Amino acid sequence: MERIVEQGLLYDFYGELLTEHQRKIYEDVVYNDLSLTEIAQENGISRQGVHDLVRRCNHLLQEYEDKLHLVERFMRIRSRVEQLKQLTNDSEMNKDKLIEEIESLSSKILEEL
């Protein structure tokens, strides 16, 4: 997964566990695409301080994911929903096989929840 997408997903799931200051800086880097220098000037801290804070946030968010696996679970469910969507567009599959596949994928999704 592309790093920036991964950072965004981790932040979406675990960002509320960061302090308000950490969230603001992290959002400026990941979502607002501001440079470290711009963020440092805006917040009255050093460029190195911004860099260190972003690294710490990345580490914290990854630790949360390593323990809770919410992003991993979300990606699995998303993949299975995509498979369901593809099945509904498969006009060559017979009805019984289609129902069997849909039931199987639905069961897997429900197990994840």
PDB file of N, CA and C in Angstrom:
ATOM      1  N   MET A   1       0.855  -1.177   0.000  1.00  0.00           N
ATOM      2  CA  MET A   1       0.000   0.000   0.000  1.00  0.00           C
ATOM      3  C   MET A   1       0.900   1.240   0.000  1.00  0.00           C
ATOM      4  N   GLU A   2       0.533   2.234  -0.786  1.00  0.00           N
ATOM      5  CA  GLU A   2       1.315   3.460  -0.864  1.00  0.00           C
ATOM      6  C   GLU A   2       1.387   4.105   0.518  1.00  0.00           C
ATOM      7  N   ARG A   3       2.537   4.628   0.852  1.00  0.00           N
ATOM      8  CA  ARG A   3       2.795   5.151   2.204  1.00  0.00           C
ATOM      9  C   ARG A   3       1.793   6.236   2.620  1.00  0.00           C
ATOM     10  N   ILE A   4       1.512   7.183   1.733  1.00  0.00           N
ATOM     11  CA  ILE A   4       0.619   8.280   2.095  1.00  0.00           C
ATOM     12  C   ILE A   4      -0.806   7.773   2.332  1.00  0.00           C
ATOM     13  N   VAL A   5      -1.227   6.769   1.564  1.00  0.00           N
ATOM     14  CA  VAL A   5      -2.555   6.170   1.759  1.00  0.00           C
ATOM     15  C   VAL A   5      -2.582   5.444   3.101  1.00  0.00           C
ATOM     16  N   GLU A   6      -1.513   4.723   3.387  1.00  0.00           N
ATOM     17  CA  GLU A   6      -1.422   4.011   4.661  1.00  0.00           C
ATOM     18  C   GLU A   6      -1.465   4.989   5.834  1.00  0.00           C
ATOM     19  N   GLN A   7      -0.721   6.092   5.727  1.00  0.00           N
ATOM     20  CA  GLN A   7      -0.740   7.098   6.786  1.00  0.00           C
ATOM     21  C   GLN A   7      -2.145   7.655   6.983  1.00  0.00           C
ATOM     22  N   GLY A   8      -2.827   7.918   5.883  1.00  0.00           N
ATOM     23  CA  GLY A   8      -4.185   8.443   5.962  1.00  0.00           C
ATOM     24  C   GLY A   8      -5.137   7.473   6.635  1.00  0.00           C
ATOM     25  N   LEU A   9      -5.038   6.201   6.263  1.00  0.00           N
ATOM     26  CA  LEU A   9      -5.905   5.190   6.882  1.00  0.00           C
ATOM     27  C   LEU A   9      -5.615   5.036   8.374  1.00  0.00           C
ATOM     28  N   LEU A  10      -4.336   4.981   8.719  1.00  0.00           N
ATOM     29  CA  LEU A  10      -3.977   4.859  10.132  1.00  0.00           C
ATOM     30  C   LEU A  10      -4.510   6.051  10.918  1.00  0.00           C
ATOM     31  N   TYR A  11      -4.379   7.233  10.335  1.00  0.00           N
ATOM     32  CA  TYR A  11      -4.864   8.429  11.011  1.00  0.00           C
ATOM     33  C   TYR A  11      -6.392   8.400  11.125  1.00  0.00           C
ATOM     34  N   ASP A  12      -7.076   7.963  10.071  1.00  0.00           N
ATOM     35  CA  ASP A  12      -8.535   7.892  10.111  1.00  0.00           C
ATOM     36  C   ASP A  12      -9.017   6.985  11.241  1.00  0.00           C
ATOM     37  N   PHE A  13      -8.324   5.892  11.454  1.00  0.00           N
ATOM     38  CA  PHE A  13      -8.750   4.935  12.475  1.00  0.00           C
ATOM     39  C   PHE A  13      -8.272   5.307  13.875  1.00  0.00           C
ATOM     40  N   TYR A  14      -7.065   5.850  13.990  1.00  0.00           N
ATOM     41  CA  TYR A  14      -6.476   6.038  15.311  1.00  0.00           C
ATOM     42  C   TYR A  14      -6.113   7.479  15.647  1.00  0.00           C
ATOM     43  N   GLY A  15      -6.390   8.410  14.751  1.00  0.00           N
ATOM     44  CA  GLY A  15      -5.987   9.806  14.961  1.00  0.00           C
ATOM     45  C   GLY A  15      -6.534  10.422  16.236  1.00  0.00           C
ATOM     46  N   GLU A  16      -7.721  10.024  16.629  1.00  0.00           N
ATOM     47  CA  GLU A  16      -8.316  10.583  17.845  1.00  0.00           C
ATOM     48  C   GLU A  16      -7.531  10.198  19.099  1.00  0.00           C
ATOM     49  N   LEU A  17      -6.645   9.239  18.989  1.00  0.00           N
ATOM     50  CA  LEU A  17      -5.834   8.833  20.140  1.00  0.00           C
ATOM     51  C   LEU A  17      -4.601   9.714  20.304  1.00  0.00           C
ATOM     52  N   LEU A  18      -4.337  10.570  19.326  1.00  0.00           N
ATOM     53  CA  LEU A  18      -3.223  11.520  19.409  1.00  0.00           C
ATOM     54  C   LEU A  18      -3.688  12.768  20.152  1.00  0.00           C
ATOM     55  N   THR A  19      -2.728  13.541  20.657  1.00  0.00           N
ATOM     56  CA  THR A  19      -3.086  14.812  21.289  1.00  0.00           C
ATOM     57  C   THR A  19      -3.538  15.795  20.222  1.00  0.00           C
ATOM     58  N   GLU A  20      -4.183  16.859  20.629  1.00  0.00           N
ATOM     59  CA  GLU A  20      -4.656  17.875  19.678  1.00  0.00           C
ATOM     60  C   GLU A  20      -3.485  18.465  18.883  1.00  0.00           C
ATOM     61  N   HIS A  21      -2.381  18.736  19.576  1.00  0.00           N
ATOM     62  CA  HIS A  21      -1.186  19.286  18.913  1.00  0.00           C
ATOM     63  C   HIS A  21      -0.640  18.301  17.876  1.00  0.00           C
ATOM     64  N   GLN A  22      -0.545  17.039  18.255  1.00  0.00           N
ATOM     65  CA  GLN A  22      -0.061  16.017  17.324  1.00  0.00           C
ATOM     66  C   GLN A  22      -0.980  15.900  16.117  1.00  0.00           C
ATOM     67  N   ARG A  23      -2.291  15.927  16.363  1.00  0.00           N
ATOM     68  CA  ARG A  23      -3.249  15.830  15.253  1.00  0.00           C
ATOM     69  C   ARG A  23      -3.087  16.985  14.279  1.00  0.00           C
ATOM     70  N   LYS A  24      -2.950  18.197  14.787  1.00  0.00           N
ATOM     71  CA  LYS A  24      -2.830  19.371  13.923  1.00  0.00           C
ATOM     72  C   LYS A  24      -1.588  19.268  13.034  1.00  0.00           C
ATOM     73  N   ILE A  25      -0.467  18.956  13.638  1.00  0.00           N
ATOM     74  CA  ILE A  25       0.792  18.843  12.878  1.00  0.00           C
ATOM     75  C   ILE A  25       0.683  17.713  11.864  1.00  0.00           C
ATOM     76  N   TYR A  26       0.195  16.566  12.296  1.00  0.00           N
ATOM     77  CA  TYR A  26       0.094  15.398  11.412  1.00  0.00           C
ATOM     78  C   TYR A  26      -0.839  15.676  10.237  1.00  0.00           C
ATOM     79  N   GLU A  27      -1.958  16.321  10.496  1.00  0.00           N
ATOM     80  CA  GLU A  27      -2.882  16.679   9.416  1.00  0.00           C
ATOM     81  C   GLU A  27      -2.231  17.631   8.422  1.00  0.00           C
ATOM     82  N   ASP A  28      -1.448  18.582   8.936  1.00  0.00           N
ATOM     83  CA  ASP A  28      -0.765  19.516   8.032  1.00  0.00           C
ATOM     84  C   ASP A  28       0.205  18.784   7.112  1.00  0.00           C
ATOM     85  N   VAL A  29       0.872  17.769   7.620  1.00  0.00           N
ATOM     86  CA  VAL A  29       1.835  17.014   6.810  1.00  0.00           C
ATOM     87  C   VAL A  29       1.111  16.082   5.841  1.00  0.00           C
ATOM     88  N   VAL A  30       0.186  15.266   6.354  1.00  0.00           N
ATOM     89  CA  VAL A  30      -0.431  14.207   5.554  1.00  0.00           C
ATOM     90  C   VAL A  30      -1.552  14.723   4.662  1.00  0.00           C
ATOM     91  N   TYR A  31      -2.444  15.540   5.208  1.00  0.00           N
ATOM     92  CA  TYR A  31      -3.617  15.966   4.444  1.00  0.00           C
ATOM     93  C   TYR A  31      -3.423  17.294   3.720  1.00  0.00           C
ATOM     94  N   ASN A  32      -2.747  18.225   4.367  1.00  0.00           N
ATOM     95  CA  ASN A  32      -2.600  19.550   3.774  1.00  0.00           C
ATOM     96  C   ASN A  32      -1.326  19.689   2.953  1.00  0.00           C
ATOM     97  N   ASP A  33      -0.475  18.673   3.003  1.00  0.00           N
ATOM     98  CA  ASP A  33       0.755  18.618   2.210  1.00  0.00           C
ATOM     99  C   ASP A  33       1.638  19.852   2.396  1.00  0.00           C
ATOM    100  N   LEU A  34       1.703  20.351   3.636  1.00  0.00           N
ATOM    101  CA  LEU A  34       2.585  21.476   3.936  1.00  0.00           C
ATOM    102  C   LEU A  34       3.994  20.960   4.185  1.00  0.00           C
ATOM    103  N   SER A  35       4.960  21.780   3.899  1.00  0.00           N
ATOM    104  CA  SER A  35       6.352  21.385   4.142  1.00  0.00           C
ATOM    105  C   SER A  35       6.644  21.479   5.639  1.00  0.00           C
ATOM    106  N   LEU A  36       7.696  20.794   6.049  1.00  0.00           N
ATOM    107  CA  LEU A  36       8.089  20.836   7.457  1.00  0.00           C
ATOM    108  C   LEU A  36       8.428  22.262   7.869  1.00  0.00           C
ATOM    109  N   THR A  37       9.052  23.011   6.972  1.00  0.00           N
ATOM    110  CA  THR A  37       9.422  24.394   7.254  1.00  0.00           C
ATOM    111  C   THR A  37       8.181  25.255   7.455  1.00  0.00           C
ATOM    112  N   GLU A  38       7.181  25.088   6.591  1.00  0.00           N
ATOM    113  CA  GLU A  38       5.939  25.864   6.728  1.00  0.00           C
ATOM    114  C   GLU A  38       5.248  25.563   8.056  1.00  0.00           C
ATOM    115  N   ILE A  39       5.203  24.298   8.404  1.00  0.00           N
ATOM    116  CA  ILE A  39       4.554  23.893   9.653  1.00  0.00           C
ATOM    117  C   ILE A  39       5.329  24.426  10.853  1.00  0.00           C
ATOM    118  N   ALA A  40       6.642  24.344  10.776  1.00  0.00           N
ATOM    119  CA  ALA A  40       7.483  24.835  11.869  1.00  0.00           C
ATOM    120  C   ALA A  40       7.256  26.328  12.092  1.00  0.00           C
ATOM    121  N   GLN A  41       7.246  27.088  11.023  1.00  0.00           N
ATOM    122  CA  GLN A  41       7.038  28.536  11.142  1.00  0.00           C
ATOM    123  C   GLN A  41       5.650  28.846  11.694  1.00  0.00           C
ATOM    124  N   GLU A  42       4.663  28.136  11.220  1.00  0.00           N
ATOM    125  CA  GLU A  42       3.281  28.367  11.646  1.00  0.00           C
ATOM    126  C   GLU A  42       3.077  28.049  13.124  1.00  0.00           C
ATOM    127  N   ASN A  43       3.819  27.069  13.639  1.00  0.00           N
ATOM    128  CA  ASN A  43       3.625  26.605  15.018  1.00  0.00           C
ATOM    129  C   ASN A  43       4.709  27.058  15.977  1.00  0.00           C
ATOM    130  N   GLY A  44       5.681  27.810  15.487  1.00  0.00           N
ATOM    131  CA  GLY A  44       6.733  28.324  16.357  1.00  0.00           C
ATOM    132  C   GLY A  44       7.645  27.254  16.923  1.00  0.00           C
ATOM    133  N   ILE A  45       7.880  26.191  16.127  1.00  0.00           N
ATOM    134  CA  ILE A  45       8.811  25.144  16.542  1.00  0.00           C
ATOM    135  C   ILE A  45       9.828  24.935  15.433  1.00  0.00           C
ATOM    136  N   SER A  46      10.843  24.155  15.716  1.00  0.00           N
ATOM    137  CA  SER A  46      11.874  23.923  14.708  1.00  0.00           C
ATOM    138  C   SER A  46      11.402  22.909  13.667  1.00  0.00           C
ATOM    139  N   ARG A  47      12.055  22.951  12.533  1.00  0.00           N
ATOM    140  CA  ARG A  47      11.774  21.990  11.468  1.00  0.00           C
ATOM    141  C   ARG A  47      12.043  20.575  11.968  1.00  0.00           C
ATOM    142  N   GLN A  48      13.136  20.424  12.722  1.00  0.00           N
ATOM    143  CA  GLN A  48      13.489  19.130  13.293  1.00  0.00           C
ATOM    144  C   GLN A  48      12.421  18.660  14.278  1.00  0.00           C
ATOM    145  N   GLY A  49      11.855  19.599  15.032  1.00  0.00           N
ATOM    146  CA  GLY A  49      10.782  19.263  15.965  1.00  0.00           C
ATOM    147  C   GLY A  49       9.559  18.719  15.250  1.00  0.00           C
ATOM    148  N   VAL A  50       9.225  19.334  14.109  1.00  0.00           N
ATOM    149  CA  VAL A  50       8.102  18.852  13.305  1.00  0.00           C
ATOM    150  C   VAL A  50       8.404  17.452  12.791  1.00  0.00           C
ATOM    151  N   HIS A  51       9.604  17.267  12.270  1.00  0.00           N
ATOM    152  CA  HIS A  51      10.015  15.964  11.730  1.00  0.00           C
ATOM    153  C   HIS A  51       9.921  14.886  12.809  1.00  0.00           C
ATOM    154  N   ASP A  52      10.447  15.177  13.985  1.00  0.00           N
ATOM    155  CA  ASP A  52      10.421  14.211  15.085  1.00  0.00           C
ATOM    156  C   ASP A  52       8.991  13.889  15.517  1.00  0.00           C
ATOM    157  N   LEU A  53       8.146  14.925  15.577  1.00  0.00           N
ATOM    158  CA  LEU A  53       6.762  14.714  15.990  1.00  0.00           C
ATOM    159  C   LEU A  53       6.030  13.825  14.989  1.00  0.00           C
ATOM    160  N   VAL A  54       6.240  14.061  13.704  1.00  0.00           N
ATOM    161  CA  VAL A  54       5.585  13.249  12.673  1.00  0.00           C
ATOM    162  C   VAL A  54       6.074  11.798  12.763  1.00  0.00           C
ATOM    163  N   ARG A  55       7.362  11.605  12.977  1.00  0.00           N
ATOM    164  CA  ARG A  55       7.894  10.239  13.128  1.00  0.00           C
ATOM    165  C   ARG A  55       7.280   9.544  14.341  1.00  0.00           C
ATOM    166  N   ARG A  56       7.175  10.274  15.460  1.00  0.00           N
ATOM    167  CA  ARG A  56       6.566   9.695  16.665  1.00  0.00           C
ATOM    168  C   ARG A  56       5.103   9.335  16.407  1.00  0.00           C
ATOM    169  N   CYS A  57       4.382  10.220  15.724  1.00  0.00           N
ATOM    170  CA  CYS A  57       2.977   9.947  15.408  1.00  0.00           C
ATOM    171  C   CYS A  57       2.859   8.712  14.518  1.00  0.00           C
ATOM    172  N   ASN A  58       3.707   8.622  13.485  1.00  0.00           N
ATOM    173  CA  ASN A  58       3.699   7.436  12.615  1.00  0.00           C
ATOM    174  C   ASN A  58       3.926   6.174  13.436  1.00  0.00           C
ATOM    175  N   HIS A  59       4.880   6.253  14.344  1.00  0.00           N
ATOM    176  CA  HIS A  59       5.211   5.098  15.187  1.00  0.00           C
ATOM    177  C   HIS A  59       4.020   4.737  16.090  1.00  0.00           C
ATOM    178  N   LEU A  60       3.411   5.735  16.713  1.00  0.00           N
ATOM    179  CA  LEU A  60       2.262   5.488  17.586  1.00  0.00           C
ATOM    180  C   LEU A  60       1.096   4.877  16.814  1.00  0.00           C
ATOM    181  N   LEU A  61       0.792   5.456  15.661  1.00  0.00           N
ATOM    182  CA  LEU A  61      -0.329   4.953  14.865  1.00  0.00           C
ATOM    183  C   LEU A  61      -0.075   3.515  14.417  1.00  0.00           C
ATOM    184  N   GLN A  62       1.167   3.215  14.047  1.00  0.00           N
ATOM    185  CA  GLN A  62       1.500   1.854  13.644  1.00  0.00           C
ATOM    186  C   GLN A  62       1.415   0.896  14.823  1.00  0.00           C
ATOM    187  N   GLU A  63       1.800   1.347  16.015  1.00  0.00           N
ATOM    188  CA  GLU A  63       1.672   0.505  17.211  1.00  0.00           C
ATOM    189  C   GLU A  63       0.206   0.178  17.494  1.00  0.00           C
ATOM    190  N   TYR A  64      -0.664   1.166  17.349  1.00  0.00           N
ATOM    191  CA  TYR A  64      -2.091   0.914  17.537  1.00  0.00           C
ATOM    192  C   TYR A  64      -2.585  -0.132  16.541  1.00  0.00           C
ATOM    193  N   GLU A  65      -2.167   0.006  15.293  1.00  0.00           N
ATOM    194  CA  GLU A  65      -2.588  -0.964  14.269  1.00  0.00           C
ATOM    195  C   GLU A  65      -2.035  -2.354  14.571  1.00  0.00           C
ATOM    196  N   ASP A  66      -0.785  -2.425  15.019  1.00  0.00           N
ATOM    197  CA  ASP A  66      -0.185  -3.722  15.343  1.00  0.00           C
ATOM    198  C   ASP A  66      -0.956  -4.431  16.455  1.00  0.00           C
ATOM    199  N   LYS A  67      -1.549  -3.652  17.356  1.00  0.00           N
ATOM    200  CA  LYS A  67      -2.291  -4.248  18.464  1.00  0.00           C
ATOM    201  C   LYS A  67      -3.750  -4.509  18.119  1.00  0.00           C
ATOM    202  N   LEU A  68      -4.372  -3.612  17.362  1.00  0.00           N
ATOM    203  CA  LEU A  68      -5.816  -3.686  17.145  1.00  0.00           C
ATOM    204  C   LEU A  68      -6.230  -4.210  15.760  1.00  0.00           C
ATOM    205  N   HIS A  69      -5.399  -4.059  14.768  1.00  0.00           N
ATOM    206  CA  HIS A  69      -5.629  -4.563  13.403  1.00  0.00           C
ATOM    207  C   HIS A  69      -6.921  -4.050  12.757  1.00  0.00           C
ATOM    208  N   LEU A  70      -7.333  -2.844  13.079  1.00  0.00           N
ATOM    209  CA  LEU A  70      -8.566  -2.300  12.510  1.00  0.00           C
ATOM    210  C   LEU A  70      -8.440  -1.987  11.018  1.00  0.00           C
ATOM    211  N   VAL A  71      -7.306  -1.436  10.620  1.00  0.00           N
ATOM    212  CA  VAL A  71      -7.100  -1.116   9.200  1.00  0.00           C
ATOM    213  C   VAL A  71      -7.024  -2.402   8.388  1.00  0.00           C
ATOM    214  N   GLU A  72      -6.312  -3.375   8.907  1.00  0.00           N
ATOM    215  CA  GLU A  72      -6.196  -4.673   8.228  1.00  0.00           C
ATOM    216  C   GLU A  72      -7.580  -5.303   8.043  1.00  0.00           C
ATOM    217  N   ARG A  73      -8.388  -5.275   9.083  1.00  0.00           N
ATOM    218  CA  ARG A  73      -9.738  -5.834   9.020  1.00  0.00           C
ATOM    219  C   ARG A  73     -10.585  -5.051   8.003  1.00  0.00           C
ATOM    220  N   PHE A  74     -10.483  -3.735   8.035  1.00  0.00           N
ATOM    221  CA  PHE A  74     -11.214  -2.888   7.089  1.00  0.00           C
ATOM    222  C   PHE A  74     -10.845  -3.234   5.651  1.00  0.00           C
ATOM    223  N   MET A  75      -9.552  -3.429   5.386  1.00  0.00           N
ATOM    224  CA  MET A  75      -9.100  -3.730   4.026  1.00  0.00           C
ATOM    225  C   MET A  75      -9.613  -5.095   3.563  1.00  0.00           C
ATOM    226  N   ARG A  76      -9.649  -6.078   4.467  1.00  0.00           N
ATOM    227  CA  ARG A  76     -10.192  -7.392   4.109  1.00  0.00           C
ATOM    228  C   ARG A  76     -11.674  -7.300   3.768  1.00  0.00           C
ATOM    229  N   ILE A  77     -12.424  -6.585   4.593  1.00  0.00           N
ATOM    230  CA  ILE A  77     -13.858  -6.434   4.342  1.00  0.00           C
ATOM    231  C   ILE A  77     -14.084  -5.683   3.040  1.00  0.00           C
ATOM    232  N   ARG A  78     -13.310  -4.654   2.815  1.00  0.00           N
ATOM    233  CA  ARG A  78     -13.431  -3.874   1.579  1.00  0.00           C
ATOM    234  C   ARG A  78     -13.177  -4.754   0.359  1.00  0.00           C
ATOM    235  N   SER A  79     -12.174  -5.593   0.438  1.00  0.00           N
ATOM    236  CA  SER A  79     -11.854  -6.503  -0.662  1.00  0.00           C
ATOM    237  C   SER A  79     -13.011  -7.467  -0.926  1.00  0.00           C
ATOM    238  N   ARG A  80     -13.611  -7.980   0.119  1.00  0.00           N
ATOM    239  CA  ARG A  80     -14.722  -8.919  -0.047  1.00  0.00           C
ATOM    240  C   ARG A  80     -15.963  -8.227  -0.616  1.00  0.00           C
ATOM    241  N   VAL A  81     -16.187  -6.992  -0.237  1.00  0.00           N
ATOM    242  CA  VAL A  81     -17.306  -6.240  -0.810  1.00  0.00           C
ATOM    243  C   VAL A  81     -17.055  -6.010  -2.300  1.00  0.00           C
ATOM    244  N   GLU A  82     -15.808  -5.728  -2.663  1.00  0.00           N
ATOM    245  CA  GLU A  82     -15.462  -5.581  -4.082  1.00  0.00           C
ATOM    246  C   GLU A  82     -15.728  -6.884  -4.844  1.00  0.00           C
ATOM    247  N   GLN A  83     -15.409  -8.015  -4.214  1.00  0.00           N
ATOM    248  CA  GLN A  83     -15.678  -9.310  -4.841  1.00  0.00           C
ATOM    249  C   GLN A  83     -17.178  -9.505  -5.044  1.00  0.00           C
ATOM    250  N   LEU A  84     -17.974  -9.104  -4.053  1.00  0.00           N
ATOM    251  CA  LEU A  84     -19.425  -9.191  -4.188  1.00  0.00           C
ATOM    252  C   LEU A  84     -19.910  -8.344  -5.359  1.00  0.00           C
ATOM    253  N   LYS A  85     -19.360  -7.171  -5.452  1.00  0.00           N
ATOM    254  CA  LYS A  85     -19.732  -6.267  -6.539  1.00  0.00           C
ATOM    255  C   LYS A  85     -19.408  -6.885  -7.896  1.00  0.00           C
ATOM    256  N   GLN A  86     -18.233  -7.501  -7.998  1.00  0.00           N
ATOM    257  CA  GLN A  86     -17.840  -8.149  -9.248  1.00  0.00           C
ATOM    258  C   GLN A  86     -18.760  -9.325  -9.581  1.00  0.00           C
ATOM    259  N   LEU A  87     -19.150 -10.059  -8.550  1.00  0.00           N
ATOM    260  CA  LEU A  87     -20.046 -11.196  -8.776  1.00  0.00           C
ATOM    261  C   LEU A  87     -21.388 -10.750  -9.358  1.00  0.00           C
ATOM    262  N   THR A  88     -21.871  -9.634  -8.907  1.00  0.00           N
ATOM    263  CA  THR A  88     -23.173  -9.167  -9.403  1.00  0.00           C
ATOM    264  C   THR A  88     -23.097  -8.742 -10.864  1.00  0.00           C
ATOM    265  N   ASN A  89     -21.904  -8.462 -11.344  1.00  0.00           N
ATOM    266  CA  ASN A  89     -21.727  -8.075 -12.746  1.00  0.00           C
ATOM    267  C   ASN A  89     -21.373  -9.253 -13.650  1.00  0.00           C
ATOM    268  N   ASP A  90     -21.224 -10.445 -13.065  1.00  0.00           N
ATOM    269  CA  ASP A  90     -20.842 -11.634 -13.837  1.00  0.00           C
ATOM    270  C   ASP A  90     -22.099 -12.312 -14.371  1.00  0.00           C
ATOM    271  N   SER A  91     -22.429 -12.020 -15.611  1.00  0.00           N
ATOM    272  CA  SER A  91     -23.662 -12.555 -16.202  1.00  0.00           C
ATOM    273  C   SER A  91     -23.514 -14.000 -16.674  1.00  0.00           C
ATOM    274  N   GLU A  92     -22.284 -14.511 -16.717  1.00  0.00           N
ATOM    275  CA  GLU A  92     -22.051 -15.876 -17.214  1.00  0.00           C
ATOM    276  C   GLU A  92     -22.155 -16.933 -16.119  1.00  0.00           C
ATOM    277  N   MET A  93     -22.114 -16.521 -14.851  1.00  0.00           N
ATOM    278  CA  MET A  93     -22.165 -17.480 -13.750  1.00  0.00           C
ATOM    279  C   MET A  93     -23.616 -17.932 -13.553  1.00  0.00           C
ATOM    280  N   ASN A  94     -23.793 -19.225 -13.337  1.00  0.00           N
ATOM    281  CA  ASN A  94     -25.171 -19.702 -13.123  1.00  0.00           C
ATOM    282  C   ASN A  94     -25.680 -19.234 -11.755  1.00  0.00           C
ATOM    283  N   LYS A  95     -26.977 -19.193 -11.633  1.00  0.00           N
ATOM    284  CA  LYS A  95     -27.630 -18.618 -10.462  1.00  0.00           C
ATOM    285  C   LYS A  95     -27.244 -19.326  -9.166  1.00  0.00           C
ATOM    286  N   ASP A  96     -27.200 -20.642  -9.165  1.00  0.00           N
ATOM    287  CA  ASP A  96     -26.863 -21.395  -7.948  1.00  0.00           C
ATOM    288  C   ASP A  96     -25.433 -21.105  -7.488  1.00  0.00           C
ATOM    289  N   LYS A  97     -24.523 -21.075  -8.452  1.00  0.00           N
ATOM    290  CA  LYS A  97     -23.115 -20.791  -8.133  1.00  0.00           C
ATOM    291  C   LYS A  97     -22.984 -19.356  -7.600  1.00  0.00           C
ATOM    292  N   LEU A  98     -23.697 -18.431  -8.213  1.00  0.00           N
ATOM    293  CA  LEU A  98     -23.667 -17.031  -7.781  1.00  0.00           C
ATOM    294  C   LEU A  98     -24.166 -16.897  -6.350  1.00  0.00           C
ATOM    295  N   ILE A  99     -25.268 -17.537  -6.041  1.00  0.00           N
ATOM    296  CA  ILE A  99     -25.826 -17.491  -4.679  1.00  0.00           C
ATOM    297  C   ILE A  99     -24.845 -18.094  -3.683  1.00  0.00           C
ATOM    298  N   GLU A 100     -24.233 -19.198  -4.057  1.00  0.00           N
ATOM    299  CA  GLU A 100     -23.249 -19.857  -3.186  1.00  0.00           C
ATOM    300  C   GLU A 100     -22.067 -18.928  -2.898  1.00  0.00           C
ATOM    301  N   GLU A 101     -21.555 -18.283  -3.928  1.00  0.00           N
ATOM    302  CA  GLU A 101     -20.425 -17.357  -3.765  1.00  0.00           C
ATOM    303  C   GLU A 101     -20.805 -16.162  -2.891  1.00  0.00           C
ATOM    304  N   ILE A 102     -21.976 -15.607  -3.133  1.00  0.00           N
ATOM    305  CA  ILE A 102     -22.440 -14.459  -2.348  1.00  0.00           C
ATOM    306  C   ILE A 102     -22.616 -14.845  -0.887  1.00  0.00           C
ATOM    307  N   GLU A 103     -23.190 -15.999  -0.626  1.00  0.00           N
ATOM    308  CA  GLU A 103     -23.368 -16.463   0.751  1.00  0.00           C
ATOM    309  C   GLU A 103     -22.026 -16.674   1.442  1.00  0.00           C
ATOM    310  N   SER A 104     -21.076 -17.233   0.711  1.00  0.00           N
ATOM    311  CA  SER A 104     -19.746 -17.469   1.274  1.00  0.00           C
ATOM    312  C   SER A 104     -19.060 -16.145   1.642  1.00  0.00           C
ATOM    313  N   LEU A 105     -19.067 -15.206   0.720  1.00  0.00           N
ATOM    314  CA  LEU A 105     -18.440 -13.911   0.987  1.00  0.00           C
ATOM    315  C   LEU A 105     -19.166 -13.161   2.096  1.00  0.00           C
ATOM    316  N   SER A 106     -20.484 -13.232   2.108  1.00  0.00           N
ATOM    317  CA  SER A 106     -21.267 -12.567   3.154  1.00  0.00           C
ATOM    318  C   SER A 106     -20.927 -13.141   4.528  1.00  0.00           C
ATOM    319  N   SER A 107     -20.782 -14.429   4.609  1.00  0.00           N
ATOM    320  CA  SER A 107     -20.412 -15.074   5.875  1.00  0.00           C
ATOM    321  C   SER A 107     -19.047 -14.602   6.351  1.00  0.00           C
ATOM    322  N   LYS A 108     -18.105 -14.518   5.424  1.00  0.00           N
ATOM    323  CA  LYS A 108     -16.759 -14.051   5.785  1.00  0.00           C
ATOM    324  C   LYS A 108     -16.779 -12.623   6.287  1.00  0.00           C
ATOM    325  N   ILE A 109     -17.591 -11.782   5.637  1.00  0.00           N
ATOM    326  CA  ILE A 109     -17.707 -10.387   6.078  1.00  0.00           C
ATOM    327  C   ILE A 109     -18.311 -10.329   7.476  1.00  0.00           C
ATOM    328  N   LEU A 110     -19.352 -11.087   7.709  1.00  0.00           N
ATOM    329  CA  LEU A 110     -19.990 -11.079   9.029  1.00  0.00           C
ATOM    330  C   LEU A 110     -19.049 -11.596  10.112  1.00  0.00           C
ATOM    331  N   GLU A 111     -18.197 -12.555   9.792  1.00  0.00           N
ATOM    332  CA  GLU A 111     -17.221 -13.048  10.755  1.00  0.00           C
ATOM    333  C   GLU A 111     -16.248 -11.950  11.153  1.00  0.00           C
ATOM    334  N   GLU A 112     -15.893 -11.086  10.205  1.00  0.00           N
ATOM    335  CA  GLU A 112     -14.957  -9.986  10.469  1.00  0.00           C
ATOM    336  C   GLU A 112     -15.567  -8.948  11.401  1.00  0.00           C
ATOM    337  N   LEU A 113     -16.887  -8.800  11.307  1.00  0.00           N
ATOM    338  CA  LEU A 113     -17.552  -7.796  12.129  1.00  0.00           C
ATOM    339  C   LEU A 113     -17.786  -8.368  13.490  1.00  0.00           C
TER     340      LEU A 113
END
